[in-house]
Amino acid sequence: MARAAVFDVDGTLADTNHLHVVAWWEAFRQAGHRVTMHDIHRSVGLPGQDLVAHLLGDDRDTDQDATVDAAHKTLYATYFDRLPAFDQAGELLRALAAEGWRVVLATSAGGSELAALRRAIDADDAISTTSSADDVAEGKPAPDPVEQALALADVPAENAVFVGDTVWDMQAASRAGVRAVGLLCGGIPRTALEAAGAADVFDDPADLLARIATGPFAGR
């Protein structure tokens, strides 16, 4: 029976969370808002305008939302030619594909940003399909991106594993009925990932690859 290995990208396969933090911090600063980098870091993984709403609250000037989101995109785009993949991220995807898993990316990134991330990971030969922000009405922590990934892979939730690095990832996977696996390389504590629904937690892609015969992908 077909199996799907669904992966978040930022902070999971690519070491980009802190680049997002800096870009968001500058975007907020330009709009006259003081938001701590710590708070921004804990919010990375939400779709752009959801992140703005989460950090600025309901009493904000909503007319600024699109401007702040656009500024973040422009600032982050300056890194597109040098986004770093985590060690052995591509090898992990290839190992799973070689074992018959349908590897799917489920990410809030889209368009040229997603293309830059895929270039960094350099494992297109192992990726079956991608569910991006362009494909769903609502992003994580809603289950939509994970459910869309499963639909594209034509795999039921019980035959899938989702790997991510944020509480939003864990919540989205859990709401979609998929086993959630957390990685610490995005900077979110183990306790937070487990509280959000992570069934397993590993250090990074290299750690998960080293445990591929005994971890969440074994015996499924």
C-alpha atoms as a PDB file:
ATOM      1  CA  MET A   1       0.000   0.000   0.000  1.00  0.00           C
ATOM      2  CA  ALA A   2       1.212   3.497  -0.825  1.00  0.00           C
ATOM      3  CA  ARG A   3       2.829   5.518   1.974  1.00  0.00           C
ATOM      4  CA  ALA A   4       3.487   9.247   2.175  1.00  0.00           C
ATOM      5  CA  ALA A   5       6.341  11.041   3.932  1.00  0.00           C
ATOM      6  CA  VAL A   6       5.168  14.643   4.197  1.00  0.00           C
ATOM      7  CA  PHE A   7       7.702  17.345   5.078  1.00  0.00           C
ATOM      8  CA  ASP A   8       7.553  20.952   6.091  1.00  0.00           C
ATOM      9  CA  VAL A   9      10.490  22.854   4.558  1.00  0.00           C
ATOM     10  CA  ASP A  10      11.549  26.009   6.475  1.00  0.00           C
ATOM     11  CA  GLY A  11      13.289  24.973   9.694  1.00  0.00           C
ATOM     12  CA  THR A  12      12.816  21.290   8.846  1.00  0.00           C
ATOM     13  CA  LEU A  13      14.786  20.675   5.655  1.00  0.00           C
ATOM     14  CA  ALA A  14      16.271  24.170   5.260  1.00  0.00           C
ATOM     15  CA  ASP A  15      18.026  26.220   7.957  1.00  0.00           C
ATOM     16  CA  THR A  16      15.969  29.334   7.276  1.00  0.00           C
ATOM     17  CA  ASN A  17      13.910  30.120  10.387  1.00  0.00           C
ATOM     18  CA  HIS A  18      16.289  32.753  11.689  1.00  0.00           C
ATOM     19  CA  LEU A  19      16.486  34.399   8.271  1.00  0.00           C
ATOM     20  CA  HIS A  20      12.701  34.713   8.433  1.00  0.00           C
ATOM     21  CA  VAL A  21      12.958  36.158  11.943  1.00  0.00           C
ATOM     22  CA  VAL A  22      15.332  38.903  10.822  1.00  0.00           C
ATOM     23  CA  ALA A  23      13.234  39.698   7.742  1.00  0.00           C
ATOM     24  CA  TRP A  24      10.046  39.896   9.806  1.00  0.00           C
ATOM     25  CA  TRP A  25      11.741  42.005  12.482  1.00  0.00           C
ATOM     26  CA  GLU A  26      12.841  44.531   9.868  1.00  0.00           C
ATOM     27  CA  ALA A  27       9.412  44.511   8.190  1.00  0.00           C
ATOM     28  CA  PHE A  28       7.731  45.279  11.521  1.00  0.00           C
ATOM     29  CA  ARG A  29      10.341  47.950  12.305  1.00  0.00           C
ATOM     30  CA  GLN A  30       9.725  49.677   8.983  1.00  0.00           C
ATOM     31  CA  ALA A  31       6.006  49.787   9.801  1.00  0.00           C
ATOM     32  CA  GLY A  32       6.698  51.325  13.227  1.00  0.00           C
ATOM     33  CA  HIS A  33       6.218  48.220  15.367  1.00  0.00           C
ATOM     34  CA  ARG A  34       8.607  46.884  18.007  1.00  0.00           C
ATOM     35  CA  VAL A  35       8.291  43.100  18.069  1.00  0.00           C
ATOM     36  CA  THR A  36      10.902  40.937  19.782  1.00  0.00           C
ATOM     37  CA  MET A  37      12.789  38.379  17.751  1.00  0.00           C
ATOM     38  CA  HIS A  38      11.880  35.743  20.329  1.00  0.00           C
ATOM     39  CA  ASP A  39       8.168  36.284  19.704  1.00  0.00           C
ATOM     40  CA  ILE A  40       8.691  36.300  15.956  1.00  0.00           C
ATOM     41  CA  HIS A  41      10.632  33.035  16.132  1.00  0.00           C
ATOM     42  CA  ARG A  42       7.791  31.311  17.981  1.00  0.00           C
ATOM     43  CA  SER A  43       5.398  32.491  15.246  1.00  0.00           C
ATOM     44  CA  VAL A  44       7.421  31.439  12.190  1.00  0.00           C
ATOM     45  CA  GLY A  45       5.530  28.788  10.246  1.00  0.00           C
ATOM     46  CA  LEU A  46       2.243  30.662  10.206  1.00  0.00           C
ATOM     47  CA  PRO A  47       1.132  32.116   6.849  1.00  0.00           C
ATOM     48  CA  GLY A  48       2.310  35.704   6.510  1.00  0.00           C
ATOM     49  CA  GLN A  49      -0.824  37.680   7.319  1.00  0.00           C
ATOM     50  CA  ASP A  50      -1.754  35.196  10.071  1.00  0.00           C
ATOM     51  CA  LEU A  51       1.675  35.811  11.613  1.00  0.00           C
ATOM     52  CA  VAL A  52       1.088  39.570  11.532  1.00  0.00           C
ATOM     53  CA  ALA A  53      -2.303  39.153  13.205  1.00  0.00           C
ATOM     54  CA  HIS A  54      -0.874  36.760  15.796  1.00  0.00           C
ATOM     55  CA  LEU A  55       1.901  39.158  16.803  1.00  0.00           C
ATOM     56  CA  LEU A  56       0.112  42.513  16.587  1.00  0.00           C
ATOM     57  CA  GLY A  57      -3.285  41.459  17.916  1.00  0.00           C
ATOM     58  CA  ASP A  58      -6.858  42.261  17.015  1.00  0.00           C
ATOM     59  CA  ASP A  59      -6.554  45.985  17.811  1.00  0.00           C
ATOM     60  CA  ARG A  60      -3.865  46.569  15.166  1.00  0.00           C
ATOM     61  CA  ASP A  61      -4.302  48.728  12.067  1.00  0.00           C
ATOM     62  CA  THR A  62      -5.255  45.946   9.652  1.00  0.00           C
ATOM     63  CA  ASP A  63      -4.586  48.266   6.707  1.00  0.00           C
ATOM     64  CA  GLN A  64      -0.882  47.617   7.392  1.00  0.00           C
ATOM     65  CA  ASP A  65      -1.107  43.812   7.230  1.00  0.00           C
ATOM     66  CA  ALA A  66      -0.470  43.420   3.533  1.00  0.00           C
ATOM     67  CA  THR A  67       2.324  46.007   3.599  1.00  0.00           C
ATOM     68  CA  VAL A  68       4.182  44.249   6.432  1.00  0.00           C
ATOM     69  CA  ASP A  69       3.724  40.861   4.757  1.00  0.00           C
ATOM     70  CA  ALA A  70       5.011  42.222   1.439  1.00  0.00           C
ATOM     71  CA  ALA A  71       8.015  43.844   3.133  1.00  0.00           C
ATOM     72  CA  HIS A  72       8.931  40.520   4.743  1.00  0.00           C
ATOM     73  CA  LYS A  73       8.735  38.769   1.364  1.00  0.00           C
ATOM     74  CA  THR A  74      10.966  41.405  -0.250  1.00  0.00           C
ATOM     75  CA  LEU A  75      13.547  41.275   2.550  1.00  0.00           C
ATOM     76  CA  TYR A  76      13.601  37.480   2.702  1.00  0.00           C
ATOM     77  CA  ALA A  77      13.976  37.245  -1.083  1.00  0.00           C
ATOM     78  CA  THR A  78      17.456  38.766  -0.781  1.00  0.00           C
ATOM     79  CA  TYR A  79      18.603  35.375   0.611  1.00  0.00           C
ATOM     80  CA  PHE A  80      17.165  33.245  -2.200  1.00  0.00           C
ATOM     81  CA  ASP A  81      20.516  32.600  -3.870  1.00  0.00           C
ATOM     82  CA  ARG A  82      22.117  31.236  -0.683  1.00  0.00           C
ATOM     83  CA  LEU A  83      19.451  29.471   1.388  1.00  0.00           C
ATOM     84  CA  PRO A  84      21.135  26.663   3.375  1.00  0.00           C
ATOM     85  CA  ALA A  85      19.736  23.140   3.556  1.00  0.00           C
ATOM     86  CA  PHE A  86      20.297  21.160   6.731  1.00  0.00           C
ATOM     87  CA  ASP A  87      22.970  18.480   6.596  1.00  0.00           C
ATOM     88  CA  GLN A  88      21.691  15.315   4.862  1.00  0.00           C
ATOM     89  CA  ALA A  89      18.231  16.743   4.208  1.00  0.00           C
ATOM     90  CA  GLY A  90      18.361  15.722   0.570  1.00  0.00           C
ATOM     91  CA  GLU A  91      19.802  12.325   1.476  1.00  0.00           C
ATOM     92  CA  LEU A  92      16.884  11.723   3.856  1.00  0.00           C
ATOM     93  CA  LEU A  93      14.340  12.393   1.122  1.00  0.00           C
ATOM     94  CA  ARG A  94      16.185  10.136  -1.317  1.00  0.00           C
ATOM     95  CA  ALA A  95      16.433   7.321   1.240  1.00  0.00           C
ATOM     96  CA  LEU A  96      12.697   7.438   1.843  1.00  0.00           C
ATOM     97  CA  ALA A  97      11.910   7.562  -1.874  1.00  0.00           C
ATOM     98  CA  ALA A  98      14.187   4.564  -2.413  1.00  0.00           C
ATOM     99  CA  GLU A  99      12.135   2.640   0.160  1.00  0.00           C
ATOM    100  CA  GLY A 100       8.924   3.374  -1.707  1.00  0.00           C
ATOM    101  CA  TRP A 101       7.659   6.390   0.240  1.00  0.00           C
ATOM    102  CA  ARG A 102       5.937   9.142  -1.717  1.00  0.00           C
ATOM    103  CA  VAL A 103       7.802  12.229  -0.534  1.00  0.00           C
ATOM    104  CA  VAL A 104       5.629  15.343  -0.410  1.00  0.00           C
ATOM    105  CA  LEU A 105       6.467  18.891   0.678  1.00  0.00           C
ATOM    106  CA  ALA A 106       3.761  20.765   2.599  1.00  0.00           C
ATOM    107  CA  THR A 107       4.866  24.344   3.132  1.00  0.00           C
ATOM    108  CA  SER A 108       3.555  27.873   3.510  1.00  0.00           C
ATOM    109  CA  ALA A 109       6.143  28.928   0.919  1.00  0.00           C
ATOM    110  CA  GLY A 110       5.086  29.308  -2.673  1.00  0.00           C
ATOM    111  CA  GLY A 111       6.251  30.624  -6.017  1.00  0.00           C
ATOM    112  CA  SER A 112       9.851  31.791  -6.260  1.00  0.00           C
ATOM    113  CA  GLU A 113      10.427  31.215  -2.535  1.00  0.00           C
ATOM    114  CA  LEU A 114       9.519  27.548  -2.816  1.00  0.00           C
ATOM    115  CA  ALA A 115      11.655  27.237  -5.942  1.00  0.00           C
ATOM    116  CA  ALA A 116      14.647  28.656  -4.032  1.00  0.00           C
ATOM    117  CA  LEU A 117      14.090  26.217  -1.171  1.00  0.00           C
ATOM    118  CA  ARG A 118      13.917  23.268  -3.551  1.00  0.00           C
ATOM    119  CA  ARG A 119      17.175  24.360  -5.166  1.00  0.00           C
ATOM    120  CA  ALA A 120      18.788  24.478  -1.718  1.00  0.00           C
ATOM    121  CA  ILE A 121      17.590  20.992  -0.764  1.00  0.00           C
ATOM    122  CA  ASP A 122      18.594  19.654  -4.193  1.00  0.00           C
ATOM    123  CA  ALA A 123      16.460  16.506  -4.034  1.00  0.00           C
ATOM    124  CA  ASP A 124      13.831  17.058  -6.727  1.00  0.00           C
ATOM    125  CA  ASP A 125      14.434  13.515  -7.963  1.00  0.00           C
ATOM    126  CA  ALA A 126      12.997  12.231  -4.663  1.00  0.00           C
ATOM    127  CA  ILE A 127      10.026  14.615  -4.329  1.00  0.00           C
ATOM    128  CA  SER A 128       6.738  13.289  -5.675  1.00  0.00           C
ATOM    129  CA  THR A 129       4.713  16.469  -5.314  1.00  0.00           C
ATOM    130  CA  THR A 130       4.335  19.686  -3.335  1.00  0.00           C
ATOM    131  CA  SER A 131       1.477  21.344  -1.472  1.00  0.00           C
ATOM    132  CA  SER A 132       2.227  25.038  -1.139  1.00  0.00           C
ATOM    133  CA  ALA A 133       0.499  28.127   0.175  1.00  0.00           C
ATOM    134  CA  ASP A 134      -0.746  28.660  -3.369  1.00  0.00           C
ATOM    135  CA  ASP A 135      -2.856  25.480  -3.183  1.00  0.00           C
ATOM    136  CA  VAL A 136      -4.914  25.878   0.012  1.00  0.00           C
ATOM    137  CA  ALA A 137      -7.401  28.345   1.438  1.00  0.00           C
ATOM    138  CA  GLU A 138      -6.025  28.177   4.975  1.00  0.00           C
ATOM    139  CA  GLY A 139      -2.480  27.504   6.179  1.00  0.00           C
ATOM    140  CA  LYS A 140      -1.107  25.756   9.256  1.00  0.00           C
ATOM    141  CA  PRO A 141      -2.154  25.125  12.001  1.00  0.00           C
ATOM    142  CA  ALA A 142      -5.272  24.275   9.980  1.00  0.00           C
ATOM    143  CA  PRO A 143      -5.001  20.761   8.521  1.00  0.00           C
ATOM    144  CA  ASP A 144      -5.503  22.000   4.943  1.00  0.00           C
ATOM    145  CA  PRO A 145      -1.836  21.873   3.792  1.00  0.00           C
ATOM    146  CA  VAL A 146      -1.386  18.338   5.146  1.00  0.00           C
ATOM    147  CA  GLU A 147      -4.710  17.129   3.750  1.00  0.00           C
ATOM    148  CA  GLN A 148      -3.836  18.640   0.370  1.00  0.00           C
ATOM    149  CA  ALA A 149      -0.475  16.856   0.455  1.00  0.00           C
ATOM    150  CA  LEU A 150      -2.185  13.545   1.163  1.00  0.00           C
ATOM    151  CA  ALA A 151      -4.687  14.128  -1.619  1.00  0.00           C
ATOM    152  CA  LEU A 152      -1.900  14.870  -4.091  1.00  0.00           C
ATOM    153  CA  ALA A 153      -0.050  11.727  -3.005  1.00  0.00           C
ATOM    154  CA  ASP A 154      -3.291   9.697  -3.018  1.00  0.00           C
ATOM    155  CA  VAL A 155      -2.434   8.254   0.400  1.00  0.00           C
ATOM    156  CA  PRO A 156      -4.741   7.973   3.456  1.00  0.00           C
ATOM    157  CA  ALA A 157      -3.760   9.694   6.696  1.00  0.00           C
ATOM    158  CA  GLU A 158      -3.061   6.425   8.494  1.00  0.00           C
ATOM    159  CA  ASN A 159      -0.369   5.597   5.933  1.00  0.00           C
ATOM    160  CA  ALA A 160       1.462   8.898   6.292  1.00  0.00           C
ATOM    161  CA  VAL A 161       4.069  10.526   8.511  1.00  0.00           C
ATOM    162  CA  PHE A 162       4.460  14.286   8.759  1.00  0.00           C
ATOM    163  CA  VAL A 163       7.792  15.886   9.714  1.00  0.00           C
ATOM    164  CA  GLY A 164       8.004  19.516  10.838  1.00  0.00           C
ATOM    165  CA  ASP A 165       9.691  21.849  13.295  1.00  0.00           C
ATOM    166  CA  THR A 166       6.996  24.124  14.724  1.00  0.00           C
ATOM    167  CA  VAL A 167       3.969  23.762  16.962  1.00  0.00           C
ATOM    168  CA  TRP A 168       1.872  24.833  13.953  1.00  0.00           C
ATOM    169  CA  ASP A 169       3.220  21.849  12.004  1.00  0.00           C
ATOM    170  CA  MET A 170       2.414  19.433  14.819  1.00  0.00           C
ATOM    171  CA  GLN A 171      -1.096  20.835  15.217  1.00  0.00           C
ATOM    172  CA  ALA A 172      -1.796  20.686  11.482  1.00  0.00           C
ATOM    173  CA  ALA A 173      -0.619  17.075  11.212  1.00  0.00           C
ATOM    174  CA  SER A 174      -2.574  16.012  14.297  1.00  0.00           C
ATOM    175  CA  ARG A 175      -5.752  17.647  13.010  1.00  0.00           C
ATOM    176  CA  ALA A 176      -5.284  15.808   9.716  1.00  0.00           C
ATOM    177  CA  GLY A 177      -4.958  12.493  11.555  1.00  0.00           C
ATOM    178  CA  VAL A 178      -1.323  12.029  10.539  1.00  0.00           C
ATOM    179  CA  ARG A 179       1.510  10.891  12.815  1.00  0.00           C
ATOM    180  CA  ALA A 180       3.492  14.028  13.653  1.00  0.00           C
ATOM    181  CA  VAL A 181       7.284  13.970  13.967  1.00  0.00           C
ATOM    182  CA  GLY A 182       9.092  17.035  15.302  1.00  0.00           C
ATOM    183  CA  LEU A 183      12.626  18.213  14.583  1.00  0.00           C
ATOM    184  CA  LEU A 184      14.532  20.443  17.006  1.00  0.00           C
ATOM    185  CA  CYS A 185      16.636  22.142  14.322  1.00  0.00           C
ATOM    186  CA  GLY A 186      14.028  24.872  13.869  1.00  0.00           C
ATOM    187  CA  GLY A 187      14.683  26.069  17.412  1.00  0.00           C
ATOM    188  CA  ILE A 188      11.409  25.105  19.101  1.00  0.00           C
ATOM    189  CA  PRO A 189      11.789  23.162  22.380  1.00  0.00           C
ATOM    190  CA  ARG A 190      10.966  19.476  22.586  1.00  0.00           C
ATOM    191  CA  THR A 191       8.320  20.079  25.252  1.00  0.00           C
ATOM    192  CA  ALA A 192       6.458  22.550  23.019  1.00  0.00           C
ATOM    193  CA  LEU A 193       6.498  20.161  20.058  1.00  0.00           C
ATOM    194  CA  GLU A 194       5.275  17.263  22.171  1.00  0.00           C
ATOM    195  CA  ALA A 195       2.525  19.380  23.729  1.00  0.00           C
ATOM    196  CA  ALA A 196       1.370  20.300  20.207  1.00  0.00           C
ATOM    197  CA  GLY A 197       1.086  16.648  19.169  1.00  0.00           C
ATOM    198  CA  ALA A 198       4.525  15.328  18.217  1.00  0.00           C
ATOM    199  CA  ALA A 199       4.663  11.546  18.621  1.00  0.00           C
ATOM    200  CA  ASP A 200       8.453  11.525  18.095  1.00  0.00           C
ATOM    201  CA  VAL A 201      11.135  14.214  18.248  1.00  0.00           C
ATOM    202  CA  PHE A 202      14.578  14.124  16.598  1.00  0.00           C
ATOM    203  CA  ASP A 203      17.433  16.598  16.364  1.00  0.00           C
ATOM    204  CA  ASP A 204      17.492  17.236  12.614  1.00  0.00           C
ATOM    205  CA  PRO A 205      17.280  15.478   9.219  1.00  0.00           C
ATOM    206  CA  ALA A 206      20.638  13.749   9.777  1.00  0.00           C
ATOM    207  CA  ASP A 207      19.397  12.297  13.080  1.00  0.00           C
ATOM    208  CA  LEU A 208      16.178  11.108  11.459  1.00  0.00           C
ATOM    209  CA  LEU A 209      18.134   9.556   8.587  1.00  0.00           C
ATOM    210  CA  ALA A 210      20.403   7.711  11.019  1.00  0.00           C
ATOM    211  CA  ARG A 211      17.293   6.202  12.658  1.00  0.00           C
ATOM    212  CA  ILE A 212      15.376   5.436   9.483  1.00  0.00           C
ATOM    213  CA  ALA A 213      15.397   1.692  10.232  1.00  0.00           C
ATOM    214  CA  THR A 214      14.112   2.095  13.793  1.00  0.00           C
ATOM    215  CA  GLY A 215      12.213   5.409  13.865  1.00  0.00           C
ATOM    216  CA  PRO A 216       8.747   6.478  12.712  1.00  0.00           C
ATOM    217  CA  PHE A 217       9.296   5.299   9.130  1.00  0.00           C
ATOM    218  CA  ALA A 218      10.164   1.740  10.151  1.00  0.00           C
ATOM    219  CA  GLY A 219       7.609  -1.040   9.859  1.00  0.00           C
ATOM    220  CA  ARG A 220       4.949   1.059   8.127  1.00  0.00           C
END
